[in-house]
Amino acid sequence: MFNSLRKTAGAVLVSAAVMAGAAQADQIRVGGKNFTEQLLMTEITVQYLAAKGYDTKKLEGMGTAVVRSAMENGQVDIYWEYTGTSLITFNKIEESLSPEETYETVRDLDAKVGITWLNPSEANSTYAIAVRASDDKGLTTVSDMAAAYNGGNDLSFGVNAEFPKRPDGLPGLQDAYGFKAGRGNLVPMQTGLIYSALKEEKLDIGLVFALDGRIAAFDFKVLEDDQGFFPNYALTPNIRTEVLEANPELGELLNGLSAIYTDEIVRDLCARVDVDKMTVEDAAAAFLAEQGLV
């Protein structure tokens, strides 16, 4: 239900973007997904490009499929995507590839649909599975979790709306590790709520993003992906090729941002919002000032 509401909201935003684009062709429409890291990437990009003199429009809070469709349809000009997401979810490639091969593959395939992948950052925002360090249920690896489910352990697993449906999510994970988490074990919820529910002992296991600042702040233990299932998810700016060709300087600006992002920097940015309770707007402005970009 939550995902449907998000998609509906995203569709409304995209529809508004089309009208705005028709009225003002030079406007740069920056899209983004609906979790903290993406909200930050969207806001930083909007503020940075506005400071460089661009007329920008922010289209945040969309689901993965919605924002990708919006870019393919010319309704979003720029957003930050993850190499692993494009490889598996959009291009349906499930073979194991190195980070470099993953980037080159999605770059070449997405060029055919009018999307240019700019330079990848060093930030690998992969999925991860976490437990409380103080009550880890005897789990250290994802194989341990698989064995627990196969042994009939009734462990509650907090997941977001997309994870049970994505090939790089639960279906692929279960195939790779040879287990089945029963429907009754899955607790779907908004991504951000998983962290608090796990901390408050309302969940046994939680789906997290590896660069989320709450992992350390809430004393979570990340299970080792010992079968190497999750691919590299390099955070990378995507831009419509048509827009880049008309505005080549955008590529230079976005590559400059991408060169700054590391695991540590993105994790710190997320912690400012989720742990220190800064607004996304304030965190973005502070980051740009600290980096000397505005």
Protein backbone atom coordinates (compact mmCIF):
# COMPACT_ATOMS: atom_id res chain seq x y z
CA MET A 1 0.00 0.00 0.00
CA PHE A 2 2.77 2.39 0.95
CA ASN A 3 4.61 1.69 -2.30
CA SER A 4 1.43 2.31 -4.28
CA LEU A 5 0.97 5.67 -2.57
CA ARG A 6 4.56 6.55 -3.32
CA LYS A 7 4.12 5.60 -6.97
CA THR A 8 0.94 7.65 -7.19
CA ALA A 9 2.68 10.63 -5.63
CA GLY A 10 5.61 10.14 -7.97
CA ALA A 11 3.32 10.02 -10.97
CA VAL A 12 1.70 13.29 -9.90
CA LEU A 13 5.11 14.89 -9.51
CA VAL A 14 6.20 13.64 -12.90
CA SER A 15 3.02 14.94 -14.50
CA ALA A 16 3.69 18.34 -12.97
CA ALA A 17 7.24 18.19 -14.25
CA VAL A 18 6.07 17.63 -17.80
CA MET A 19 3.90 20.74 -17.66
CA ALA A 20 6.70 22.76 -16.13
CA GLY A 21 9.16 21.54 -18.73
CA ALA A 22 6.82 22.48 -21.54
CA ALA A 23 6.47 25.99 -20.16
CA GLN A 24 10.14 26.48 -19.45
CA ALA A 25 12.39 24.31 -21.59
CA ASP A 26 15.62 25.49 -19.96
CA GLN A 27 14.60 24.26 -16.51
CA ILE A 28 16.69 21.38 -15.15
CA ARG A 29 14.51 18.82 -13.41
CA VAL A 30 16.34 16.87 -10.72
CA GLY A 31 14.66 13.67 -9.57
CA GLY A 32 15.27 11.41 -6.62
CA LYS A 33 14.00 8.48 -4.58
CA ASN A 34 12.33 8.41 -1.20
CA PHE A 35 14.99 7.65 1.42
CA THR A 36 17.48 9.84 3.25
CA GLU A 37 20.53 9.30 1.06
CA GLN A 38 18.54 10.04 -2.09
CA LEU A 39 16.78 13.04 -0.58
CA LEU A 40 20.24 14.43 0.22
CA MET A 41 21.63 13.73 -3.25
CA THR A 42 18.65 15.45 -4.82
CA GLU A 43 18.81 18.49 -2.56
CA ILE A 44 22.58 18.89 -2.88
CA THR A 45 22.30 18.72 -6.68
CA VAL A 46 19.47 21.25 -6.78
CA GLN A 47 21.25 23.71 -4.49
CA TYR A 48 24.57 23.30 -6.31
CA LEU A 49 23.14 23.79 -9.79
CA ALA A 50 21.04 26.74 -8.60
CA ALA A 51 24.20 28.34 -7.20
CA LYS A 52 25.76 27.92 -10.66
CA GLY A 53 22.91 29.82 -12.24
CA TYR A 54 20.59 27.03 -13.38
CA ASP A 55 16.85 27.16 -13.03
CA THR A 56 16.14 23.90 -11.22
CA LYS A 57 13.05 21.96 -10.20
CA LYS A 58 13.18 19.28 -7.51
CA LEU A 59 11.16 16.09 -7.99
CA GLU A 60 11.93 14.01 -4.93
CA GLY A 61 10.38 11.06 -3.16
CA MET A 62 9.76 8.75 -6.12
CA GLY A 63 10.07 5.00 -6.21
CA THR A 64 12.90 3.39 -8.15
CA ALA A 65 10.76 2.33 -11.11
CA VAL A 66 8.98 5.68 -11.24
CA VAL A 67 12.08 7.86 -11.35
CA ARG A 68 13.76 5.64 -13.93
CA SER A 69 10.64 5.71 -16.12
CA ALA A 70 10.48 9.47 -15.72
CA MET A 71 14.02 9.81 -17.01
CA GLU A 72 13.43 7.48 -19.96
CA ASN A 73 10.31 9.46 -20.85
CA GLY A 74 12.09 12.83 -20.68
CA GLN A 75 10.29 13.99 -17.55
CA VAL A 76 13.37 14.00 -15.27
CA ASP A 77 16.72 15.30 -16.49
CA ILE A 78 19.11 14.25 -13.70
CA TYR A 79 19.09 11.83 -10.80
CA TRP A 80 21.56 9.69 -8.85
CA GLU A 81 21.31 5.96 -9.49
CA TYR A 82 23.22 2.88 -8.35
CA THR A 83 25.12 0.67 -10.76
CA GLY A 84 23.81 -2.56 -9.25
CA THR A 85 20.22 -1.38 -9.49
CA SER A 86 20.51 -0.70 -13.19
CA LEU A 87 22.39 -3.93 -13.83
CA ILE A 88 19.87 -6.24 -12.19
CA THR A 89 16.58 -4.38 -11.88
CA PHE A 90 16.52 -2.45 -15.16
CA ASN A 91 18.72 -4.56 -17.42
CA LYS A 92 17.98 -8.00 -15.91
CA ILE A 93 21.62 -9.11 -15.77
CA GLU A 94 22.19 -11.49 -12.88
CA GLU A 95 25.72 -12.73 -13.52
CA SER A 96 28.38 -11.69 -11.03
CA LEU A 97 30.44 -8.77 -12.33
CA SER A 98 33.24 -6.68 -10.85
CA PRO A 99 32.45 -3.06 -9.93
CA GLU A 100 34.24 -1.90 -13.08
CA GLU A 101 32.38 -4.39 -15.29
CA THR A 102 29.09 -3.44 -13.68
CA TYR A 103 29.62 0.25 -14.42
CA GLU A 104 30.74 -0.36 -18.01
CA THR A 105 27.80 -2.66 -18.66
CA VAL A 106 25.11 -0.29 -17.40
CA ARG A 107 26.81 2.67 -19.07
CA ASP A 108 26.68 0.96 -22.46
CA LEU A 109 23.20 -0.53 -22.11
CA ASP A 110 21.53 2.61 -20.76
CA ALA A 111 23.09 4.74 -23.50
CA LYS A 112 20.66 2.94 -25.83
CA VAL A 113 17.70 4.49 -24.00
CA GLY A 114 19.14 8.00 -23.93
CA ILE A 115 20.71 7.92 -20.46
CA THR A 116 24.33 8.88 -19.84
CA TRP A 117 26.11 7.50 -16.80
CA LEU A 118 28.66 10.06 -15.66
CA ASN A 119 31.65 9.19 -13.44
CA PRO A 120 30.86 6.79 -10.59
CA SER A 121 31.64 7.87 -7.06
CA GLU A 122 33.57 5.77 -4.57
CA ALA A 123 30.44 5.42 -2.42
CA ASN A 124 29.03 1.90 -2.58
CA SER A 125 25.48 2.15 -1.23
CA THR A 126 24.75 -1.55 -1.25
CA TYR A 127 22.03 -3.37 0.61
CA ALA A 128 22.96 -4.91 3.94
CA ILE A 129 21.23 -7.00 6.57
CA ALA A 130 21.62 -5.99 10.20
CA VAL A 131 20.85 -7.23 13.69
CA ARG A 132 21.30 -5.62 17.09
CA ALA A 133 24.87 -6.16 18.28
CA SER A 134 23.53 -6.72 21.78
CA ASP A 135 21.11 -9.43 20.60
CA ASP A 136 22.36 -10.83 17.32
CA LYS A 137 20.39 -14.10 17.54
CA GLY A 138 23.66 -15.94 16.98
CA LEU A 139 23.96 -14.55 13.45
CA THR A 140 27.22 -13.37 11.91
CA THR A 141 26.74 -14.10 8.21
CA VAL A 142 23.80 -14.21 5.79
CA SER A 143 24.43 -17.97 5.62
CA ASP A 144 23.71 -18.08 9.35
CA MET A 145 20.43 -16.31 8.73
CA ALA A 146 19.53 -18.73 5.95
CA ALA A 147 20.28 -21.69 8.25
CA ALA A 148 18.10 -20.16 10.95
CA TYR A 149 15.12 -19.85 8.62
CA ASN A 150 15.72 -23.35 7.24
CA GLY A 151 15.78 -24.59 10.82
CA GLY A 152 12.36 -23.14 11.50
CA ASN A 153 13.43 -20.12 13.55
CA ASP A 154 10.70 -17.50 13.63
CA LEU A 155 12.76 -14.36 13.02
CA SER A 156 10.97 -11.15 12.06
CA PHE A 157 12.65 -9.47 9.08
CA GLY A 158 11.93 -5.79 8.41
CA VAL A 159 12.01 -4.95 4.68
CA ASN A 160 10.97 -2.03 2.52
CA ALA A 161 8.24 -2.25 -0.09
CA GLU A 162 10.60 -2.93 -3.00
CA PHE A 163 12.93 -5.56 -1.52
CA PRO A 164 10.57 -8.58 -1.68
CA LYS A 165 9.99 -7.95 -5.39
CA ARG A 166 13.42 -6.98 -6.73
CA PRO A 167 15.69 -9.58 -8.33
CA ASP A 168 18.58 -7.97 -6.45
CA GLY A 169 16.44 -8.19 -3.31
CA LEU A 170 14.79 -11.03 -1.45
CA PRO A 171 14.01 -13.39 -4.39
CA GLY A 172 17.63 -13.41 -5.54
CA LEU A 173 18.95 -13.55 -1.99
CA GLN A 174 16.83 -16.59 -1.20
CA ASP A 175 17.97 -18.34 -4.36
CA ALA A 176 21.64 -17.56 -3.70
CA TYR A 177 21.55 -18.72 -0.08
CA GLY A 178 19.01 -21.51 -0.43
CA PHE A 179 16.39 -20.44 2.09
CA LYS A 180 12.85 -19.16 2.30
CA ALA A 181 11.67 -16.51 4.72
CA GLY A 182 7.98 -17.16 5.21
CA ARG A 183 5.51 -14.41 4.48
CA GLY A 184 4.70 -14.24 8.16
CA ASN A 185 8.35 -13.45 8.93
CA LEU A 186 8.45 -10.41 6.64
CA VAL A 187 7.47 -7.04 8.08
CA PRO A 188 7.13 -4.50 5.23
CA MET A 189 7.59 -0.87 6.26
CA GLN A 190 9.04 2.42 5.10
CA THR A 191 12.83 2.19 4.82
CA GLY A 192 13.52 4.76 7.51
CA LEU A 193 11.25 3.02 10.03
CA ILE A 194 13.21 -0.24 9.86
CA TYR A 195 16.09 1.27 11.82
CA SER A 196 13.98 2.46 14.73
CA ALA A 197 11.96 -0.77 14.81
CA LEU A 198 15.14 -2.84 14.96
CA LYS A 199 16.62 -0.61 17.65
CA GLU A 200 13.43 -0.83 19.70
CA GLU A 201 13.41 -4.66 19.50
CA LYS A 202 10.29 -4.78 17.34
CA LEU A 203 12.30 -6.68 14.69
CA ASP A 204 14.95 -9.39 14.86
CA ILE A 205 16.58 -8.55 11.52
CA GLY A 206 16.43 -5.45 9.35
CA LEU A 207 17.22 -4.49 5.77
CA VAL A 208 19.53 -1.46 5.82
CA PHE A 209 21.70 0.54 3.46
CA ALA A 210 25.40 0.05 4.08
CA LEU A 211 26.10 3.80 4.21
CA ASP A 212 23.37 4.70 6.67
CA GLY A 213 24.73 6.57 9.69
CA ARG A 214 22.26 4.87 12.02
CA ILE A 215 24.08 1.53 11.74
CA ALA A 216 26.86 2.75 14.01
CA ALA A 217 24.71 5.15 16.03
CA PHE A 218 22.22 2.40 16.93
CA ASP A 219 24.93 -0.23 17.51
CA PHE A 220 23.83 -2.57 14.74
CA LYS A 221 25.84 -5.52 13.51
CA VAL A 222 25.88 -6.02 9.73
CA LEU A 223 25.78 -9.64 8.62
CA GLU A 224 28.59 -10.64 6.26
CA ASP A 225 27.36 -11.30 2.72
CA ASP A 226 29.56 -14.41 2.64
CA GLN A 227 28.25 -15.62 -0.73
CA GLY A 228 28.84 -12.19 -2.30
CA PHE A 229 25.25 -11.85 -3.49
CA PHE A 230 24.79 -8.08 -3.40
CA PRO A 231 26.49 -6.38 -6.35
CA ASN A 232 28.35 -3.08 -6.27
CA TYR A 233 25.98 -0.13 -5.99
CA ALA A 234 28.21 2.78 -6.93
CA LEU A 235 26.35 6.06 -6.44
CA THR A 236 26.50 7.73 -9.86
CA PRO A 237 24.90 10.76 -11.53
CA ASN A 238 22.61 9.91 -14.45
CA ILE A 239 21.63 12.54 -17.00
CA ARG A 240 19.52 12.44 -20.10
CA THR A 241 21.93 12.38 -23.04
CA GLU A 242 19.94 15.05 -24.84
CA VAL A 243 20.25 17.41 -21.88
CA LEU A 244 23.99 16.72 -21.50
CA GLU A 245 24.63 17.42 -25.17
CA ALA A 246 22.82 20.75 -24.86
CA ASN A 247 24.56 21.57 -21.56
CA PRO A 248 27.98 19.85 -21.50
CA GLU A 249 29.03 21.89 -18.47
CA LEU A 250 26.48 19.94 -16.42
CA GLY A 251 28.60 16.84 -16.86
CA GLU A 252 31.63 18.62 -15.42
CA LEU A 253 29.67 19.92 -12.43
CA LEU A 254 28.09 16.55 -11.63
CA ASN A 255 31.38 14.70 -12.07
CA GLY A 256 32.89 17.15 -9.61
CA LEU A 257 30.26 16.22 -7.04
CA SER A 258 30.69 12.51 -7.73
CA ALA A 259 34.44 12.75 -7.14
CA ILE A 260 33.79 13.96 -3.58
CA TYR A 261 31.48 11.18 -2.44
CA THR A 262 33.02 8.32 -0.48
CA ASP A 263 31.48 5.80 1.90
CA GLU A 264 32.55 7.94 4.85
CA ILE A 265 31.19 11.19 3.45
CA VAL A 266 27.81 9.78 2.47
CA ARG A 267 27.50 7.97 5.80
CA ASP A 268 28.24 11.24 7.62
CA LEU A 269 25.69 13.13 5.53
CA CYS A 270 22.98 10.59 6.32
CA ALA A 271 23.85 10.67 10.02
CA ARG A 272 23.42 14.45 10.10
CA VAL A 273 19.80 13.99 9.09
CA ASP A 274 18.84 10.69 10.73
CA VAL A 275 20.88 10.94 13.93
CA ASP A 276 21.58 14.64 14.47
CA LYS A 277 18.15 15.65 13.13
CA MET A 278 19.31 18.33 10.72
CA THR A 279 16.90 19.05 7.91
CA VAL A 280 17.86 17.72 4.49
CA GLU A 281 18.06 21.30 3.23
CA ASP A 282 20.38 22.43 6.01
CA ALA A 283 22.60 19.36 5.72
CA ALA A 284 22.92 19.90 1.97
CA ALA A 285 23.76 23.58 2.39
CA ALA A 286 26.35 22.83 5.08
CA PHE A 287 27.97 20.16 2.92
CA LEU A 288 28.26 22.45 -0.10
CA ALA A 289 29.76 25.22 2.04
CA GLU A 290 32.25 22.85 3.71
CA GLN A 291 33.38 21.58 0.32
CA GLY A 292 33.82 25.12 -0.98
CA LEU A 293 31.30 24.53 -3.75
CA VAL A 294 29.09 27.54 -3.01
